[in-house]
Amino acid sequence: MNYSVIKLTSSADCDALIQLAGKEKDDLQYRKTTVTHQNASFANTAAEVEADLISTNSQLGALTTVIASLPEGDVKESNITKQKKLELKAFLLNQKKENYGVIALLLNEMEQATIDTQIAEVDAFVLAVQNHKATLAA
């Protein structure tokens, strides 16, 4: 972007802007570190959740088949209770998949790319101010 640095008339103003931009860059770097750490965590969690969900769904399918063939009684009721627990587990795993899985990973990767772009723009701003400052009388 072409910044209106020509309107800056003193080195002190340039220094103030450079200092503010430095603070902004530090904040962005901190956010990038956090997002990068989350990405690593989300990648691991996504694999774990997917494996657990596949296993849970397999168990649920098998149990549903077994329940259909059982006569009414305590054994059938016990298996229905197990089925409900597995359905809840599958529901919770699907929620976790949304919040910490591949979807969250991709959103965080997008956020990381956005932060990288912002850092590059802050660097361009600082360079523009520094270049203008060099043209000002001391």
N, C-alpha and C. Protein backbone atom coordinates (compact mmCIF):
# COMPACT_ATOMS: atom_id res chain seq x y z
N MET A 1 0.84 -1.18 0.00
CA MET A 1 0.00 0.00 0.00
C MET A 1 0.88 1.23 0.00
N ASN A 2 0.42 2.25 -0.64
CA ASN A 2 1.15 3.52 -0.63
C ASN A 2 0.67 4.35 0.55
N TYR A 3 1.53 4.47 1.53
CA TYR A 3 1.18 5.23 2.73
C TYR A 3 1.49 6.71 2.50
N SER A 4 0.76 7.55 3.17
CA SER A 4 0.91 9.01 3.04
C SER A 4 2.01 9.52 3.95
N VAL A 5 3.15 8.89 3.89
CA VAL A 5 4.26 9.26 4.78
C VAL A 5 4.79 10.66 4.48
N ILE A 6 4.52 11.15 3.29
CA ILE A 6 4.98 12.49 2.91
C ILE A 6 4.41 13.55 3.85
N LYS A 7 3.30 13.24 4.48
CA LYS A 7 2.66 14.19 5.39
C LYS A 7 3.36 14.26 6.75
N LEU A 8 4.24 13.32 7.00
CA LEU A 8 5.01 13.36 8.25
C LEU A 8 6.09 14.44 8.11
N THR A 9 6.16 15.30 9.12
CA THR A 9 7.09 16.43 9.00
C THR A 9 8.23 16.39 10.01
N SER A 10 8.21 15.42 10.91
CA SER A 10 9.29 15.38 11.90
C SER A 10 9.77 13.95 12.14
N SER A 11 11.02 13.85 12.52
CA SER A 11 11.59 12.55 12.87
C SER A 11 10.90 11.96 14.09
N ALA A 12 10.47 12.83 15.00
CA ALA A 12 9.79 12.35 16.21
C ALA A 12 8.48 11.65 15.86
N ASP A 13 7.73 12.20 14.90
CA ASP A 13 6.50 11.55 14.46
C ASP A 13 6.82 10.19 13.82
N CYS A 14 7.86 10.16 13.03
CA CYS A 14 8.28 8.90 12.40
C CYS A 14 8.65 7.87 13.46
N ASP A 15 9.42 8.31 14.45
CA ASP A 15 9.83 7.40 15.53
C ASP A 15 8.62 6.87 16.30
N ALA A 16 7.64 7.73 16.54
CA ALA A 16 6.43 7.31 17.26
C ALA A 16 5.68 6.25 16.46
N LEU A 17 5.56 6.48 15.15
CA LEU A 17 4.86 5.50 14.31
C LEU A 17 5.62 4.18 14.23
N ILE A 18 6.92 4.27 14.14
CA ILE A 18 7.74 3.05 14.09
C ILE A 18 7.60 2.27 15.39
N GLN A 19 7.57 2.99 16.51
CA GLN A 19 7.41 2.33 17.80
C GLN A 19 6.03 1.66 17.90
N LEU A 20 4.98 2.35 17.47
CA LEU A 20 3.63 1.78 17.50
C LEU A 20 3.52 0.56 16.58
N ALA A 21 4.14 0.66 15.42
CA ALA A 21 4.13 -0.46 14.49
C ALA A 21 4.90 -1.65 15.07
N GLY A 22 5.98 -1.35 15.78
CA GLY A 22 6.74 -2.42 16.44
C GLY A 22 5.91 -3.16 17.47
N LYS A 23 5.13 -2.39 18.23
CA LYS A 23 4.23 -3.00 19.23
C LYS A 23 3.19 -3.87 18.53
N GLU A 24 2.63 -3.37 17.44
CA GLU A 24 1.64 -4.13 16.66
C GLU A 24 2.26 -5.43 16.13
N LYS A 25 3.49 -5.34 15.64
CA LYS A 25 4.18 -6.53 15.12
C LYS A 25 4.43 -7.53 16.24
N ASP A 26 4.85 -7.05 17.41
CA ASP A 26 5.05 -7.95 18.55
C ASP A 26 3.76 -8.69 18.91
N ASP A 27 2.65 -7.97 18.91
CA ASP A 27 1.35 -8.58 19.20
C ASP A 27 1.00 -9.64 18.15
N LEU A 28 1.25 -9.32 16.90
CA LEU A 28 0.98 -10.28 15.82
C LEU A 28 1.88 -11.51 15.93
N GLN A 29 3.14 -11.30 16.27
CA GLN A 29 4.07 -12.43 16.44
C GLN A 29 3.61 -13.34 17.58
N TYR A 30 3.14 -12.72 18.65
CA TYR A 30 2.63 -13.51 19.79
C TYR A 30 1.42 -14.32 19.35
N ARG A 31 0.51 -13.68 18.63
CA ARG A 31 -0.70 -14.38 18.15
C ARG A 31 -0.31 -15.51 17.19
N LYS A 32 0.68 -15.26 16.37
CA LYS A 32 1.14 -16.30 15.43
C LYS A 32 1.69 -17.51 16.19
N THR A 33 2.45 -17.25 17.24
CA THR A 33 2.98 -18.34 18.05
C THR A 33 1.85 -19.18 18.64
N THR A 34 0.83 -18.51 19.14
CA THR A 34 -0.32 -19.20 19.72
C THR A 34 -1.04 -20.04 18.67
N VAL A 35 -1.29 -19.45 17.51
CA VAL A 35 -2.00 -20.16 16.44
C VAL A 35 -1.17 -21.35 15.94
N THR A 36 0.13 -21.17 15.82
CA THR A 36 1.00 -22.26 15.38
C THR A 36 0.94 -23.42 16.37
N HIS A 37 0.95 -23.10 17.65
CA HIS A 37 0.85 -24.15 18.68
C HIS A 37 -0.51 -24.85 18.59
N GLN A 38 -1.57 -24.08 18.39
CA GLN A 38 -2.91 -24.67 18.25
C GLN A 38 -2.96 -25.59 17.04
N ASN A 39 -2.33 -25.19 15.94
CA ASN A 39 -2.33 -26.02 14.74
C ASN A 39 -1.74 -27.39 15.00
N ALA A 40 -0.64 -27.43 15.72
CA ALA A 40 -0.01 -28.71 16.04
C ALA A 40 -0.94 -29.55 16.91
N SER A 41 -1.57 -28.91 17.87
CA SER A 41 -2.51 -29.61 18.75
C SER A 41 -3.73 -30.11 17.98
N PHE A 42 -4.28 -29.26 17.11
CA PHE A 42 -5.46 -29.65 16.33
C PHE A 42 -5.13 -30.82 15.39
N ALA A 43 -3.95 -30.82 14.81
CA ALA A 43 -3.57 -31.90 13.90
C ALA A 43 -3.55 -33.23 14.65
N ASN A 44 -2.98 -33.24 15.85
CA ASN A 44 -2.95 -34.47 16.66
C ASN A 44 -4.36 -34.87 17.10
N THR A 45 -5.12 -33.91 17.56
CA THR A 45 -6.47 -34.20 18.04
C THR A 45 -7.35 -34.71 16.91
N ALA A 46 -7.21 -34.13 15.73
CA ALA A 46 -8.03 -34.55 14.58
C ALA A 46 -7.84 -36.03 14.28
N ALA A 47 -6.61 -36.48 14.30
CA ALA A 47 -6.32 -37.90 14.02
C ALA A 47 -6.89 -38.79 15.12
N GLU A 48 -6.73 -38.39 16.36
CA GLU A 48 -7.24 -39.18 17.49
C GLU A 48 -8.77 -39.26 17.46
N VAL A 49 -9.40 -38.12 17.24
CA VAL A 49 -10.87 -38.07 17.23
C VAL A 49 -11.41 -38.91 16.08
N GLU A 50 -10.80 -38.80 14.92
CA GLU A 50 -11.28 -39.56 13.76
C GLU A 50 -11.18 -41.06 14.02
N ALA A 51 -10.08 -41.50 14.58
CA ALA A 51 -9.91 -42.93 14.90
C ALA A 51 -10.94 -43.38 15.93
N ASP A 52 -11.13 -42.58 16.97
CA ASP A 52 -12.09 -42.92 18.02
C ASP A 52 -13.51 -42.93 17.48
N LEU A 53 -13.83 -42.02 16.59
CA LEU A 53 -15.17 -41.95 16.00
C LEU A 53 -15.44 -43.16 15.11
N ILE A 54 -14.46 -43.58 14.35
CA ILE A 54 -14.61 -44.78 13.51
C ILE A 54 -14.87 -46.00 14.39
N SER A 55 -14.10 -46.13 15.44
CA SER A 55 -14.27 -47.25 16.37
C SER A 55 -15.65 -47.21 17.03
N THR A 56 -16.05 -46.04 17.49
CA THR A 56 -17.34 -45.89 18.17
C THR A 56 -18.49 -46.22 17.22
N ASN A 57 -18.40 -45.73 16.00
CA ASN A 57 -19.46 -46.01 15.02
C ASN A 57 -19.53 -47.49 14.66
N SER A 58 -18.37 -48.16 14.61
CA SER A 58 -18.35 -49.60 14.35
C SER A 58 -19.02 -50.36 15.50
N GLN A 59 -18.67 -49.97 16.72
CA GLN A 59 -19.28 -50.62 17.89
C GLN A 59 -20.79 -50.39 17.91
N LEU A 60 -21.17 -49.18 17.58
CA LEU A 60 -22.59 -48.82 17.56
C LEU A 60 -23.35 -49.64 16.51
N GLY A 61 -22.76 -49.79 15.35
CA GLY A 61 -23.40 -50.59 14.30
C GLY A 61 -23.56 -52.04 14.71
N ALA A 62 -22.51 -52.60 15.30
CA ALA A 62 -22.57 -54.00 15.75
C ALA A 62 -23.60 -54.17 16.85
N LEU A 63 -23.63 -53.24 17.79
CA LEU A 63 -24.56 -53.34 18.91
C LEU A 63 -26.00 -53.19 18.43
N THR A 64 -26.23 -52.33 17.46
CA THR A 64 -27.57 -52.15 16.91
C THR A 64 -28.07 -53.45 16.28
N THR A 65 -27.18 -54.14 15.59
CA THR A 65 -27.52 -55.44 14.98
C THR A 65 -27.85 -56.47 16.06
N VAL A 66 -27.04 -56.50 17.11
CA VAL A 66 -27.25 -57.45 18.20
C VAL A 66 -28.59 -57.17 18.88
N ILE A 67 -28.87 -55.92 19.16
CA ILE A 67 -30.11 -55.54 19.87
C ILE A 67 -31.34 -55.97 19.06
N ALA A 68 -31.27 -55.83 17.76
CA ALA A 68 -32.41 -56.19 16.91
C ALA A 68 -32.73 -57.68 17.00
N SER A 69 -31.74 -58.51 17.29
CA SER A 69 -31.96 -59.95 17.33
C SER A 69 -32.27 -60.48 18.73
N LEU A 70 -32.18 -59.63 19.73
CA LEU A 70 -32.40 -60.09 21.12
C LEU A 70 -33.88 -60.05 21.49
N PRO A 71 -34.31 -61.04 22.30
CA PRO A 71 -35.68 -61.00 22.81
C PRO A 71 -35.78 -59.96 23.93
N GLU A 72 -36.96 -59.52 24.22
CA GLU A 72 -37.17 -58.57 25.32
C GLU A 72 -36.63 -59.16 26.61
N GLY A 73 -36.03 -58.32 27.44
CA GLY A 73 -35.51 -58.79 28.72
C GLY A 73 -34.35 -57.93 29.18
N ASP A 74 -33.72 -58.40 30.26
CA ASP A 74 -32.63 -57.66 30.88
C ASP A 74 -31.41 -57.50 29.97
N VAL A 75 -31.09 -58.54 29.21
CA VAL A 75 -29.92 -58.48 28.33
C VAL A 75 -30.15 -57.42 27.25
N LYS A 76 -31.35 -57.38 26.70
CA LYS A 76 -31.66 -56.39 25.66
C LYS A 76 -31.62 -54.98 26.25
N GLU A 77 -32.19 -54.80 27.43
CA GLU A 77 -32.17 -53.48 28.09
C GLU A 77 -30.76 -53.03 28.38
N SER A 78 -29.93 -53.95 28.82
CA SER A 78 -28.53 -53.63 29.10
C SER A 78 -27.82 -53.16 27.83
N ASN A 79 -28.07 -53.85 26.73
CA ASN A 79 -27.45 -53.49 25.45
C ASN A 79 -28.01 -52.17 24.92
N ILE A 80 -29.28 -51.89 25.16
CA ILE A 80 -29.86 -50.61 24.76
C ILE A 80 -29.18 -49.47 25.52
N THR A 81 -28.91 -49.70 26.80
CA THR A 81 -28.20 -48.70 27.61
C THR A 81 -26.80 -48.46 27.03
N LYS A 82 -26.11 -49.54 26.66
CA LYS A 82 -24.78 -49.41 26.05
C LYS A 82 -24.87 -48.64 24.73
N GLN A 83 -25.94 -48.92 23.98
CA GLN A 83 -26.16 -48.24 22.70
C GLN A 83 -26.32 -46.73 22.92
N LYS A 84 -27.11 -46.36 23.90
CA LYS A 84 -27.33 -44.93 24.19
C LYS A 84 -26.01 -44.26 24.59
N LYS A 85 -25.20 -44.95 25.38
CA LYS A 85 -23.90 -44.40 25.77
C LYS A 85 -23.00 -44.20 24.57
N LEU A 86 -23.01 -45.18 23.65
CA LEU A 86 -22.19 -45.05 22.45
C LEU A 86 -22.71 -43.93 21.54
N GLU A 87 -24.02 -43.76 21.47
CA GLU A 87 -24.58 -42.65 20.69
C GLU A 87 -24.15 -41.30 21.25
N LEU A 88 -24.16 -41.21 22.58
CA LEU A 88 -23.69 -39.97 23.23
C LEU A 88 -22.21 -39.75 22.94
N LYS A 89 -21.43 -40.81 23.05
CA LYS A 89 -19.99 -40.70 22.78
C LYS A 89 -19.76 -40.24 21.34
N ALA A 90 -20.50 -40.81 20.38
CA ALA A 90 -20.36 -40.41 18.97
C ALA A 90 -20.74 -38.95 18.79
N PHE A 91 -21.82 -38.53 19.46
CA PHE A 91 -22.24 -37.13 19.38
C PHE A 91 -21.14 -36.21 19.91
N LEU A 92 -20.58 -36.54 21.06
CA LEU A 92 -19.53 -35.72 21.66
C LEU A 92 -18.26 -35.71 20.80
N LEU A 93 -17.95 -36.85 20.20
CA LEU A 93 -16.78 -36.89 19.31
C LEU A 93 -17.00 -36.03 18.07
N ASN A 94 -18.21 -36.02 17.55
CA ASN A 94 -18.50 -35.16 16.41
C ASN A 94 -18.38 -33.69 16.78
N GLN A 95 -18.81 -33.34 18.00
CA GLN A 95 -18.65 -31.96 18.48
C GLN A 95 -17.17 -31.62 18.60
N LYS A 96 -16.41 -32.55 19.16
CA LYS A 96 -14.97 -32.34 19.32
C LYS A 96 -14.29 -32.22 17.96
N LYS A 97 -14.78 -32.99 17.01
CA LYS A 97 -14.22 -32.95 15.65
C LYS A 97 -14.39 -31.55 15.06
N GLU A 98 -15.54 -30.94 15.29
CA GLU A 98 -15.79 -29.59 14.80
C GLU A 98 -14.93 -28.57 15.51
N ASN A 99 -14.78 -28.72 16.83
CA ASN A 99 -14.09 -27.70 17.62
C ASN A 99 -12.57 -27.85 17.63
N TYR A 100 -12.08 -29.07 17.47
CA TYR A 100 -10.64 -29.30 17.60
C TYR A 100 -10.06 -30.16 16.49
N GLY A 101 -10.85 -30.50 15.50
CA GLY A 101 -10.40 -31.41 14.46
C GLY A 101 -9.93 -30.70 13.21
N VAL A 102 -10.16 -31.34 12.09
CA VAL A 102 -9.68 -30.86 10.80
C VAL A 102 -10.26 -29.48 10.47
N ILE A 103 -11.54 -29.28 10.77
CA ILE A 103 -12.17 -27.98 10.48
C ILE A 103 -11.46 -26.87 11.25
N ALA A 104 -11.26 -27.11 12.52
CA ALA A 104 -10.56 -26.11 13.34
C ALA A 104 -9.13 -25.90 12.85
N LEU A 105 -8.48 -26.98 12.45
CA LEU A 105 -7.12 -26.88 11.93
C LEU A 105 -7.08 -25.98 10.69
N LEU A 106 -8.00 -26.21 9.77
CA LEU A 106 -8.01 -25.41 8.54
C LEU A 106 -8.33 -23.94 8.82
N LEU A 107 -9.25 -23.70 9.74
CA LEU A 107 -9.55 -22.31 10.11
C LEU A 107 -8.33 -21.64 10.74
N ASN A 108 -7.62 -22.38 11.57
CA ASN A 108 -6.42 -21.83 12.20
C ASN A 108 -5.31 -21.60 11.18
N GLU A 109 -5.20 -22.48 10.20
CA GLU A 109 -4.20 -22.27 9.16
C GLU A 109 -4.52 -21.01 8.36
N MET A 110 -5.80 -20.77 8.12
CA MET A 110 -6.20 -19.54 7.44
C MET A 110 -5.85 -18.33 8.31
N GLU A 111 -6.10 -18.44 9.60
CA GLU A 111 -5.77 -17.34 10.51
C GLU A 111 -4.26 -17.09 10.52
N GLN A 112 -3.48 -18.15 10.50
CA GLN A 112 -2.04 -18.01 10.49
C GLN A 112 -1.58 -17.29 9.21
N ALA A 113 -2.17 -17.64 8.08
CA ALA A 113 -1.82 -16.97 6.82
C ALA A 113 -2.20 -15.49 6.87
N THR A 114 -3.33 -15.19 7.48
CA THR A 114 -3.77 -13.80 7.63
C THR A 114 -2.78 -13.03 8.50
N ILE A 115 -2.35 -13.63 9.58
CA ILE A 115 -1.38 -12.99 10.48
C ILE A 115 -0.07 -12.74 9.74
N ASP A 116 0.37 -13.73 8.95
CA ASP A 116 1.62 -13.55 8.17
C ASP A 116 1.49 -12.36 7.23
N THR A 117 0.32 -12.22 6.60
CA THR A 117 0.09 -11.08 5.70
C THR A 117 0.12 -9.76 6.48
N GLN A 118 -0.48 -9.75 7.66
CA GLN A 118 -0.48 -8.54 8.48
C GLN A 118 0.94 -8.17 8.91
N ILE A 119 1.73 -9.16 9.28
CA ILE A 119 3.11 -8.90 9.68
C ILE A 119 3.89 -8.30 8.51
N ALA A 120 3.70 -8.85 7.33
CA ALA A 120 4.38 -8.32 6.14
C ALA A 120 3.95 -6.87 5.87
N GLU A 121 2.68 -6.57 6.10
CA GLU A 121 2.19 -5.20 5.87
C GLU A 121 2.76 -4.24 6.91
N VAL A 122 2.87 -4.69 8.16
CA VAL A 122 3.49 -3.85 9.19
C VAL A 122 4.94 -3.57 8.81
N ASP A 123 5.64 -4.58 8.33
CA ASP A 123 7.03 -4.39 7.90
C ASP A 123 7.12 -3.38 6.76
N ALA A 124 6.20 -3.46 5.80
CA ALA A 124 6.17 -2.51 4.68
C ALA A 124 5.90 -1.10 5.18
N PHE A 125 5.02 -0.97 6.15
CA PHE A 125 4.70 0.33 6.73
C PHE A 125 5.93 0.93 7.40
N VAL A 126 6.59 0.12 8.22
CA VAL A 126 7.79 0.60 8.92
C VAL A 126 8.85 1.02 7.92
N LEU A 127 9.04 0.23 6.88
CA LEU A 127 10.03 0.57 5.86
C LEU A 127 9.70 1.90 5.19
N ALA A 128 8.42 2.11 4.87
CA ALA A 128 8.00 3.37 4.25
C ALA A 128 8.28 4.55 5.17
N VAL A 129 7.97 4.39 6.46
CA VAL A 129 8.21 5.48 7.42
C VAL A 129 9.71 5.72 7.58
N GLN A 130 10.49 4.66 7.68
CA GLN A 130 11.94 4.80 7.82
C GLN A 130 12.56 5.48 6.59
N ASN A 131 12.09 5.11 5.44
CA ASN A 131 12.61 5.73 4.21
C ASN A 131 12.26 7.22 4.17
N HIS A 132 11.05 7.56 4.58
CA HIS A 132 10.68 8.98 4.61
C HIS A 132 11.47 9.73 5.67
N LYS A 133 11.65 9.08 6.81
CA LYS A 133 12.39 9.71 7.91
C LYS A 133 13.81 10.06 7.44
N ALA A 134 14.39 9.22 6.63
CA ALA A 134 15.74 9.46 6.12
C ALA A 134 15.80 10.69 5.22
N THR A 135 14.65 11.09 4.67
CA THR A 135 14.63 12.28 3.80
C THR A 135 14.40 13.57 4.58
N LEU A 136 14.02 13.47 5.85
CA LEU A 136 13.75 14.65 6.66
C LEU A 136 15.05 15.25 7.16
N ALA A 137 15.03 16.57 7.34
CA ALA A 137 16.20 17.25 7.90
C ALA A 137 16.32 16.88 9.37
N ALA A 138 17.50 16.66 9.80
CA ALA A 138 17.74 16.25 11.18
C ALA A 138 17.51 17.32 12.18
